[in-house]
Protein backbone atom coordinates (compact mmCIF):
# COMPACT_ATOMS: atom_id res chain seq x y z
CA ARG A 1 -41.77 -16.97 -53.29
CA GLY A 2 -42.50 -18.62 -49.95
CA LYS A 3 -39.97 -21.38 -50.63
CA THR A 4 -37.28 -18.81 -51.43
CA ARG A 5 -37.98 -16.95 -48.21
CA LYS A 6 -37.99 -20.22 -46.29
CA TRP A 7 -34.53 -21.15 -47.54
CA LYS A 8 -33.27 -17.64 -46.80
CA ARG A 9 -34.53 -18.16 -43.25
CA ASP A 10 -37.17 -15.44 -43.55
CA ARG A 11 -39.71 -17.56 -41.68
CA ASN A 12 -42.29 -14.83 -41.13
CA GLY A 13 -42.13 -13.76 -44.77
CA ALA A 14 -42.45 -17.36 -45.92
CA MET A 15 -45.44 -18.03 -43.67
CA ASN A 16 -47.12 -14.84 -44.90
CA ASP A 17 -46.54 -15.90 -48.51
CA TYR A 18 -48.03 -19.36 -47.90
CA GLN A 19 -51.03 -17.85 -46.11
CA LYS A 20 -51.59 -15.41 -49.00
CA ALA A 21 -51.34 -18.26 -51.50
CA ILE A 22 -53.96 -20.19 -49.52
CA GLU A 23 -56.24 -17.16 -49.41
CA LEU A 24 -56.01 -16.87 -53.20
CA ASN A 25 -56.45 -20.60 -53.77
CA PRO A 26 -57.38 -22.72 -50.74
CA LEU A 27 -56.82 -25.89 -52.77
CA LEU A 28 -53.03 -25.48 -53.04
CA THR A 29 -51.77 -28.68 -51.44
CA GLU A 30 -48.14 -27.55 -51.38
CA ALA A 31 -48.99 -24.25 -49.70
CA TRP A 32 -50.79 -26.09 -46.88
CA TYR A 33 -47.89 -28.54 -46.63
CA ASN A 34 -45.24 -25.81 -46.56
CA LEU A 35 -47.18 -23.79 -44.00
CA GLY A 36 -47.44 -26.95 -41.90
CA TRP A 37 -43.71 -27.51 -42.25
CA MET A 38 -43.05 -23.98 -41.01
CA LYS A 39 -45.36 -24.53 -38.03
CA TYR A 40 -43.63 -27.84 -37.30
CA ASP A 41 -40.24 -26.16 -37.46
CA GLN A 42 -41.44 -23.65 -34.84
CA GLY A 43 -42.55 -26.47 -32.55
CA ASN A 44 -46.22 -25.67 -33.12
CA TYR A 45 -47.16 -29.29 -33.73
CA ARG A 46 -50.91 -28.97 -33.31
CA GLU A 47 -51.21 -26.29 -36.01
CA ALA A 48 -48.74 -28.16 -38.19
CA ILE A 49 -50.94 -31.26 -38.02
CA GLN A 50 -53.98 -29.19 -38.95
CA ASN A 51 -52.15 -27.85 -42.02
CA PHE A 52 -50.98 -31.34 -43.03
CA ASP A 53 -54.56 -32.60 -42.53
CA LYS A 54 -55.76 -29.95 -44.98
CA ALA A 55 -53.08 -30.87 -47.53
CA ILE A 56 -54.10 -34.54 -47.27
CA GLN A 57 -57.79 -33.67 -47.50
CA ILE A 58 -57.10 -31.85 -50.77
CA ASN A 59 -54.75 -34.51 -52.14
CA PRO A 60 -54.87 -37.85 -50.28
CA GLY A 61 -51.91 -39.08 -52.34
CA TYR A 62 -49.53 -36.33 -51.22
CA ALA A 63 -46.95 -38.47 -49.43
CA PRO A 64 -44.76 -35.73 -47.90
CA ALA A 65 -47.67 -34.53 -45.76
CA TYR A 66 -48.05 -37.98 -44.18
CA ASN A 67 -44.34 -38.15 -43.46
CA VAL A 68 -43.99 -34.85 -41.62
CA ARG A 69 -47.40 -35.20 -39.97
CA ALA A 70 -46.05 -38.46 -38.52
CA TRP A 71 -43.11 -36.56 -37.01
CA ALA A 72 -45.46 -33.98 -35.49
CA LYS A 73 -47.73 -36.68 -34.06
CA GLU A 74 -44.75 -38.49 -32.58
CA ASP A 75 -43.49 -35.25 -31.04
CA MET A 76 -46.91 -34.83 -29.43
CA GLY A 77 -46.82 -38.38 -28.04
CA ASP A 78 -49.26 -39.91 -30.54
CA VAL A 79 -47.15 -42.94 -31.42
CA THR A 80 -50.06 -44.88 -32.94
CA GLY A 81 -51.01 -41.96 -35.18
CA ALA A 82 -47.38 -41.49 -36.20
CA GLN A 83 -47.06 -45.17 -37.10
CA SER A 84 -50.23 -45.02 -39.17
CA ASP A 85 -48.96 -42.00 -41.10
CA GLN A 86 -45.57 -43.63 -41.69
CA LYS A 87 -47.33 -46.73 -43.02
CA LYS A 88 -49.34 -44.61 -45.45
CA TYR A 89 -46.20 -42.72 -46.50
CA LYS A 90 -44.46 -46.02 -47.25
CA GLU A 91 -47.49 -47.27 -49.22
CA LEU A 92 -47.45 -44.14 -51.36
CA THR A 93 -43.70 -43.96 -51.93
CA GLY A 94 -42.48 -47.53 -51.68
CA PHE A 95 -39.86 -46.48 -49.10
């Protein structure tokens, strides 16, 4: 339901849905990733990175989290961290 709300631009509803999903099952990689994406979209890069960190901790092979975490790190001025995440993303996806 969070994805539907996200695409309908109901950001608060989507974030609430992702947070509820995480409360019910804290091991939902996609919920952490999507919550991180929402935080990133709001310009809250530090919290976004924390959410992407959690998604990666749960599933180290989840490439999308590395990709968007790289964007957030770059936006915060962490060029080295961003490059490292982009390298890992490319290793996982072949792109």
